[in-house]
Amino acid sequence: MAVRQRAVTALPKLIQSLRKECPRPSPLISAPNPATALPSLRRAFSLYDQINLIDNVPEDQLRFQRYTDTGFTVNGVHYEGSLLCIGNLLMSWAPKSLSQITPESLSIFKILRPVPEILILGCGKYIQLVDPELRRFIRSTGMKLEAVDSRNASSTYNILNEEGRMVALAVLPYGVSS
């Protein structure tokens, strides 16, 4: 929340500096003047980069930093095997392949409250089709499902968790290909 508050505080200064940079057109000119400079998008993005929200993650918030074929580095600690993350809770998870992911392996979502709004499923190296029975189970819990490769799953989790959204991640190691 402190990071979000700093961004909200910095935003008016950013807008004000962009307005100062853009010269005002003369009221005597009725047609648009092609020589009037627009604010540089490069400048706007460089100012935004200075507010960098992603690097100021609170210490108690999970952040995936690296992945290998056999595991993940989360908050500086390397974990081997599959992981299940719910909000800022990290657990080792039994499935070693997509075929081992069943409603039983995700049964925690039957009792968990509040239910996450989305479950990001990291399928390993490649995006794979999710079993219809598993899709029905996830839908019955009230969650949406996003199945992607494990690299993109962990980075999507980082972004949604940083935004403060209630998100869950079930991720297989990147080396899993079937």
C-alpha atoms as a PDB file:
ATOM      1  CA  MET A   1       0.000   0.000   0.000  1.00  0.00           C
ATOM      2  CA  ALA A   2       2.870   2.393   0.739  1.00  0.00           C
ATOM      3  CA  VAL A   3       4.195   1.895  -2.781  1.00  0.00           C
ATOM      4  CA  ARG A   4       0.801   2.657  -4.269  1.00  0.00           C
ATOM      5  CA  GLN A   5       0.532   5.781  -2.107  1.00  0.00           C
ATOM      6  CA  ARG A   6       3.940   7.014  -3.349  1.00  0.00           C
ATOM      7  CA  ALA A   7       2.845   6.460  -6.941  1.00  0.00           C
ATOM      8  CA  VAL A   8      -0.379   8.376  -6.372  1.00  0.00           C
ATOM      9  CA  THR A   9       1.627  11.216  -4.807  1.00  0.00           C
ATOM     10  CA  ALA A  10       4.149  11.267  -7.663  1.00  0.00           C
ATOM     11  CA  LEU A  11       1.578  11.165 -10.483  1.00  0.00           C
ATOM     12  CA  PRO A  12       0.467  14.830 -10.258  1.00  0.00           C
ATOM     13  CA  LYS A  13       4.128  15.922 -10.382  1.00  0.00           C
ATOM     14  CA  LEU A  14       4.629  13.787 -13.483  1.00  0.00           C
ATOM     15  CA  ILE A  15       1.603  15.303 -15.221  1.00  0.00           C
ATOM     16  CA  GLN A  16       2.679  18.814 -14.234  1.00  0.00           C
ATOM     17  CA  SER A  17       6.200  18.308 -15.623  1.00  0.00           C
ATOM     18  CA  LEU A  18       4.754  17.007 -18.909  1.00  0.00           C
ATOM     19  CA  ARG A  19       2.506  20.060 -19.179  1.00  0.00           C
ATOM     20  CA  LYS A  20       5.451  22.391 -18.624  1.00  0.00           C
ATOM     21  CA  GLU A  21       7.382  20.612 -21.357  1.00  0.00           C
ATOM     22  CA  CYS A  22       4.670  21.063 -24.010  1.00  0.00           C
ATOM     23  CA  PRO A  23       4.471  24.621 -25.368  1.00  0.00           C
ATOM     24  CA  ARG A  24       0.976  26.120 -25.490  1.00  0.00           C
ATOM     25  CA  PRO A  25      -0.297  26.969 -29.000  1.00  0.00           C
ATOM     26  CA  SER A  26      -0.871  30.621 -29.704  1.00  0.00           C
ATOM     27  CA  PRO A  27      -4.570  31.590 -29.503  1.00  0.00           C
ATOM     28  CA  LEU A  28      -4.099  33.627 -32.713  1.00  0.00           C
ATOM     29  CA  ILE A  29      -3.473  30.493 -34.761  1.00  0.00           C
ATOM     30  CA  SER A  30      -6.698  28.743 -35.706  1.00  0.00           C
ATOM     31  CA  ALA A  31      -5.235  25.812 -37.663  1.00  0.00           C
ATOM     32  CA  PRO A  32      -2.972  23.295 -35.960  1.00  0.00           C
ATOM     33  CA  ASN A  33       0.652  24.236 -36.325  1.00  0.00           C
ATOM     34  CA  PRO A  34       2.751  21.300 -37.540  1.00  0.00           C
ATOM     35  CA  ALA A  35       5.818  22.792 -35.838  1.00  0.00           C
ATOM     36  CA  THR A  36       4.232  22.605 -32.364  1.00  0.00           C
ATOM     37  CA  ALA A  37       6.104  19.937 -30.431  1.00  0.00           C
ATOM     38  CA  LEU A  38       4.171  17.187 -28.728  1.00  0.00           C
ATOM     39  CA  PRO A  39       5.421  15.946 -25.383  1.00  0.00           C
ATOM     40  CA  SER A  40       7.978  13.235 -25.983  1.00  0.00           C
ATOM     41  CA  LEU A  41       6.659   9.767 -25.214  1.00  0.00           C
ATOM     42  CA  ARG A  42      10.214   8.711 -24.512  1.00  0.00           C
ATOM     43  CA  ARG A  43      10.381  11.415 -21.842  1.00  0.00           C
ATOM     44  CA  ALA A  44       7.043  10.348 -20.382  1.00  0.00           C
ATOM     45  CA  PHE A  45       8.149   6.732 -20.145  1.00  0.00           C
ATOM     46  CA  SER A  46      11.489   7.642 -18.617  1.00  0.00           C
ATOM     47  CA  LEU A  47       9.674   9.629 -15.923  1.00  0.00           C
ATOM     48  CA  TYR A  48       7.370   6.660 -15.316  1.00  0.00           C
ATOM     49  CA  ASP A  49      10.362   4.339 -15.035  1.00  0.00           C
ATOM     50  CA  GLN A  50      11.680   6.511 -12.221  1.00  0.00           C
ATOM     51  CA  ILE A  51       8.550   5.665 -10.201  1.00  0.00           C
ATOM     52  CA  ASN A  52       9.308   1.930 -10.677  1.00  0.00           C
ATOM     53  CA  LEU A  53       6.663   0.173  -8.589  1.00  0.00           C
ATOM     54  CA  ILE A  54       7.802  -3.376  -9.260  1.00  0.00           C
ATOM     55  CA  ASP A  55      11.216  -3.045  -7.544  1.00  0.00           C
ATOM     56  CA  ASN A  56       9.670  -1.740  -4.322  1.00  0.00           C
ATOM     57  CA  VAL A  57       7.900  -4.958  -3.384  1.00  0.00           C
ATOM     58  CA  PRO A  58       7.234  -5.331   0.359  1.00  0.00           C
ATOM     59  CA  GLU A  59       9.370  -8.013   2.019  1.00  0.00           C
ATOM     60  CA  ASP A  60       6.350 -10.104   3.021  1.00  0.00           C
ATOM     61  CA  GLN A  61       5.123 -10.285  -0.589  1.00  0.00           C
ATOM     62  CA  LEU A  62       6.122 -13.248  -2.761  1.00  0.00           C
ATOM     63  CA  ARG A  63       8.159 -12.404  -5.850  1.00  0.00           C
ATOM     64  CA  PHE A  64       9.347 -14.964  -8.405  1.00  0.00           C
ATOM     65  CA  GLN A  65      12.853 -13.951  -9.460  1.00  0.00           C
ATOM     66  CA  ARG A  66      14.170 -16.865 -11.520  1.00  0.00           C
ATOM     67  CA  TYR A  67      13.163 -20.190 -12.932  1.00  0.00           C
ATOM     68  CA  THR A  68      15.154 -23.262 -13.883  1.00  0.00           C
ATOM     69  CA  ASP A  69      14.171 -26.536 -15.503  1.00  0.00           C
ATOM     70  CA  THR A  70      13.681 -28.026 -12.015  1.00  0.00           C
ATOM     71  CA  GLY A  71      12.405 -25.187  -9.818  1.00  0.00           C
ATOM     72  CA  PHE A  72      12.038 -21.507  -8.986  1.00  0.00           C
ATOM     73  CA  THR A  73      13.726 -18.785  -6.960  1.00  0.00           C
ATOM     74  CA  VAL A  74      11.212 -16.890  -4.842  1.00  0.00           C
ATOM     75  CA  ASN A  75      12.341 -13.999  -2.617  1.00  0.00           C
ATOM     76  CA  GLY A  76      15.941 -15.177  -2.873  1.00  0.00           C
ATOM     77  CA  VAL A  77      15.239 -18.820  -1.921  1.00  0.00           C
ATOM     78  CA  HIS A  78      15.447 -21.605  -4.507  1.00  0.00           C
ATOM     79  CA  TYR A  79      12.622 -24.176  -4.434  1.00  0.00           C
ATOM     80  CA  GLU A  80      12.768 -27.465  -6.337  1.00  0.00           C
ATOM     81  CA  GLY A  81       9.663 -28.956  -7.931  1.00  0.00           C
ATOM     82  CA  SER A  82       6.122 -27.690  -8.370  1.00  0.00           C
ATOM     83  CA  LEU A  83       4.726 -24.847  -6.272  1.00  0.00           C
ATOM     84  CA  LEU A  84       1.279 -23.679  -5.229  1.00  0.00           C
ATOM     85  CA  CYS A  85       0.949 -20.005  -4.265  1.00  0.00           C
ATOM     86  CA  ILE A  86      -2.173 -18.406  -2.878  1.00  0.00           C
ATOM     87  CA  GLY A  87      -1.804 -14.696  -2.244  1.00  0.00           C
ATOM     88  CA  ASN A  88       1.480 -14.546  -0.306  1.00  0.00           C
ATOM     89  CA  LEU A  89       1.401 -18.165   0.882  1.00  0.00           C
ATOM     90  CA  LEU A  90       3.881 -20.538  -0.808  1.00  0.00           C
ATOM     91  CA  MET A  91       3.588 -24.344  -0.644  1.00  0.00           C
ATOM     92  CA  SER A  92       5.368 -27.267  -2.203  1.00  0.00           C
ATOM     93  CA  TRP A  93       2.989 -29.070  -4.541  1.00  0.00           C
ATOM     94  CA  ALA A  94       2.953 -32.774  -5.508  1.00  0.00           C
ATOM     95  CA  PRO A  95       2.104 -32.856  -9.273  1.00  0.00           C
ATOM     96  CA  LYS A  96       5.107 -33.434 -11.538  1.00  0.00           C
ATOM     97  CA  SER A  97       3.241 -33.183 -14.865  1.00  0.00           C
ATOM     98  CA  LEU A  98       0.028 -31.697 -16.209  1.00  0.00           C
ATOM     99  CA  SER A  99      -1.662 -35.111 -16.226  1.00  0.00           C
ATOM    100  CA  GLN A 100      -1.150 -35.319 -12.430  1.00  0.00           C
ATOM    101  CA  ILE A 101      -3.049 -32.058 -11.836  1.00  0.00           C
ATOM    102  CA  THR A 102      -6.517 -33.171 -10.766  1.00  0.00           C
ATOM    103  CA  PRO A 103      -9.374 -31.679  -8.764  1.00  0.00           C
ATOM    104  CA  GLU A 104      -7.944 -33.560  -5.764  1.00  0.00           C
ATOM    105  CA  SER A 105      -4.550 -31.846  -6.143  1.00  0.00           C
ATOM    106  CA  LEU A 106      -6.363 -28.492  -6.071  1.00  0.00           C
ATOM    107  CA  SER A 107      -8.852 -29.478  -3.328  1.00  0.00           C
ATOM    108  CA  ILE A 108      -7.600 -26.657  -1.077  1.00  0.00           C
ATOM    109  CA  PHE A 109      -9.776 -24.334  -3.159  1.00  0.00           C
ATOM    110  CA  LYS A 110     -12.920 -26.123  -1.899  1.00  0.00           C
ATOM    111  CA  ILE A 111     -12.345 -24.742   1.617  1.00  0.00           C
ATOM    112  CA  LEU A 112     -10.235 -21.626   1.033  1.00  0.00           C
ATOM    113  CA  ARG A 113     -11.938 -18.285   1.729  1.00  0.00           C
ATOM    114  CA  PRO A 114     -11.816 -15.773   0.186  1.00  0.00           C
ATOM    115  CA  VAL A 115     -11.505 -17.585  -3.104  1.00  0.00           C
ATOM    116  CA  PRO A 116      -8.861 -16.116  -5.438  1.00  0.00           C
ATOM    117  CA  GLU A 117     -10.309 -14.404  -8.499  1.00  0.00           C
ATOM    118  CA  ILE A 118      -7.939 -16.228 -10.861  1.00  0.00           C
ATOM    119  CA  LEU A 119      -5.823 -19.376 -10.882  1.00  0.00           C
ATOM    120  CA  ILE A 120      -2.768 -19.128 -13.105  1.00  0.00           C
ATOM    121  CA  LEU A 121      -1.663 -22.600 -14.152  1.00  0.00           C
ATOM    122  CA  GLY A 122       1.977 -22.917 -15.247  1.00  0.00           C
ATOM    123  CA  CYS A 123       2.070 -25.947 -17.557  1.00  0.00           C
ATOM    124  CA  GLY A 124       5.864 -26.241 -17.846  1.00  0.00           C
ATOM    125  CA  LYS A 125       7.762 -25.323 -20.980  1.00  0.00           C
ATOM    126  CA  TYR A 126       4.730 -25.165 -23.282  1.00  0.00           C
ATOM    127  CA  ILE A 127       1.102 -24.099 -23.009  1.00  0.00           C
ATOM    128  CA  GLN A 128      -1.052 -27.215 -22.909  1.00  0.00           C
ATOM    129  CA  LEU A 129      -4.735 -28.020 -23.031  1.00  0.00           C
ATOM    130  CA  VAL A 130      -6.314 -28.424 -19.597  1.00  0.00           C
ATOM    131  CA  ASP A 131      -8.548 -31.415 -18.951  1.00  0.00           C
ATOM    132  CA  PRO A 132     -12.252 -30.402 -19.189  1.00  0.00           C
ATOM    133  CA  GLU A 133     -12.979 -32.019 -15.802  1.00  0.00           C
ATOM    134  CA  LEU A 134     -10.276 -29.861 -14.201  1.00  0.00           C
ATOM    135  CA  ARG A 135     -11.657 -26.744 -15.923  1.00  0.00           C
ATOM    136  CA  ARG A 136     -15.154 -27.526 -14.569  1.00  0.00           C
ATOM    137  CA  PHE A 137     -13.775 -27.998 -11.061  1.00  0.00           C
ATOM    138  CA  ILE A 138     -11.906 -24.665 -11.151  1.00  0.00           C
ATOM    139  CA  ARG A 139     -14.970 -22.881 -12.522  1.00  0.00           C
ATOM    140  CA  SER A 140     -17.125 -24.456  -9.765  1.00  0.00           C
ATOM    141  CA  THR A 141     -14.911 -22.829  -7.108  1.00  0.00           C
ATOM    142  CA  GLY A 142     -15.602 -19.388  -8.586  1.00  0.00           C
ATOM    143  CA  MET A 143     -12.133 -18.855 -10.032  1.00  0.00           C
ATOM    144  CA  LYS A 144     -11.119 -18.059 -13.592  1.00  0.00           C
ATOM    145  CA  LEU A 145      -8.358 -20.169 -15.141  1.00  0.00           C
ATOM    146  CA  GLU A 146      -5.382 -18.936 -17.136  1.00  0.00           C
ATOM    147  CA  ALA A 147      -3.149 -21.764 -18.435  1.00  0.00           C
ATOM    148  CA  VAL A 148       0.230 -20.611 -19.766  1.00  0.00           C
ATOM    149  CA  ASP A 149       3.845 -21.761 -19.775  1.00  0.00           C
ATOM    150  CA  SER A 150       5.537 -21.625 -16.359  1.00  0.00           C
ATOM    151  CA  ARG A 151       7.799 -18.669 -17.207  1.00  0.00           C
ATOM    152  CA  ASN A 152       4.839 -16.451 -18.116  1.00  0.00           C
ATOM    153  CA  ALA A 153       2.744 -17.861 -15.262  1.00  0.00           C
ATOM    154  CA  SER A 154       5.268 -16.771 -12.641  1.00  0.00           C
ATOM    155  CA  SER A 155       5.688 -13.285 -14.121  1.00  0.00           C
ATOM    156  CA  THR A 156       1.893 -12.829 -14.419  1.00  0.00           C
ATOM    157  CA  TYR A 157       1.561 -13.892 -10.782  1.00  0.00           C
ATOM    158  CA  ASN A 158       4.165 -11.265  -9.814  1.00  0.00           C
ATOM    159  CA  ILE A 159       2.257  -8.501 -11.579  1.00  0.00           C
ATOM    160  CA  LEU A 160      -1.210  -9.424 -10.249  1.00  0.00           C
ATOM    161  CA  ASN A 161       0.097  -9.984  -6.717  1.00  0.00           C
ATOM    162  CA  GLU A 162       1.921  -6.623  -6.864  1.00  0.00           C
ATOM    163  CA  GLU A 163      -1.396  -4.983  -7.777  1.00  0.00           C
ATOM    164  CA  GLY A 164      -2.880  -6.423  -4.595  1.00  0.00           C
ATOM    165  CA  ARG A 165      -5.260  -8.778  -6.398  1.00  0.00           C
ATOM    166  CA  MET A 166      -6.242 -12.098  -4.836  1.00  0.00           C
ATOM    167  CA  VAL A 167      -4.473 -14.505  -7.161  1.00  0.00           C
ATOM    168  CA  ALA A 168      -3.382 -18.152  -7.023  1.00  0.00           C
ATOM    169  CA  LEU A 169      -0.577 -19.843  -8.936  1.00  0.00           C
ATOM    170  CA  ALA A 170      -0.155 -23.568  -9.542  1.00  0.00           C
ATOM    171  CA  VAL A 171       3.126 -23.964 -11.386  1.00  0.00           C
ATOM    172  CA  LEU A 172       5.141 -26.899 -12.701  1.00  0.00           C
ATOM    173  CA  PRO A 173       8.901 -26.524 -13.240  1.00  0.00           C
ATOM    174  CA  TYR A 174       9.875 -25.068 -16.611  1.00  0.00           C
ATOM    175  CA  GLY A 175      11.609 -28.290 -17.687  1.00  0.00           C
ATOM    176  CA  VAL A 176       8.299 -30.193 -17.767  1.00  0.00           C
ATOM    177  CA  SER A 177       7.255 -30.583 -21.406  1.00  0.00           C
ATOM    178  CA  SER A 178       4.453 -33.171 -21.399  1.00  0.00           C
END
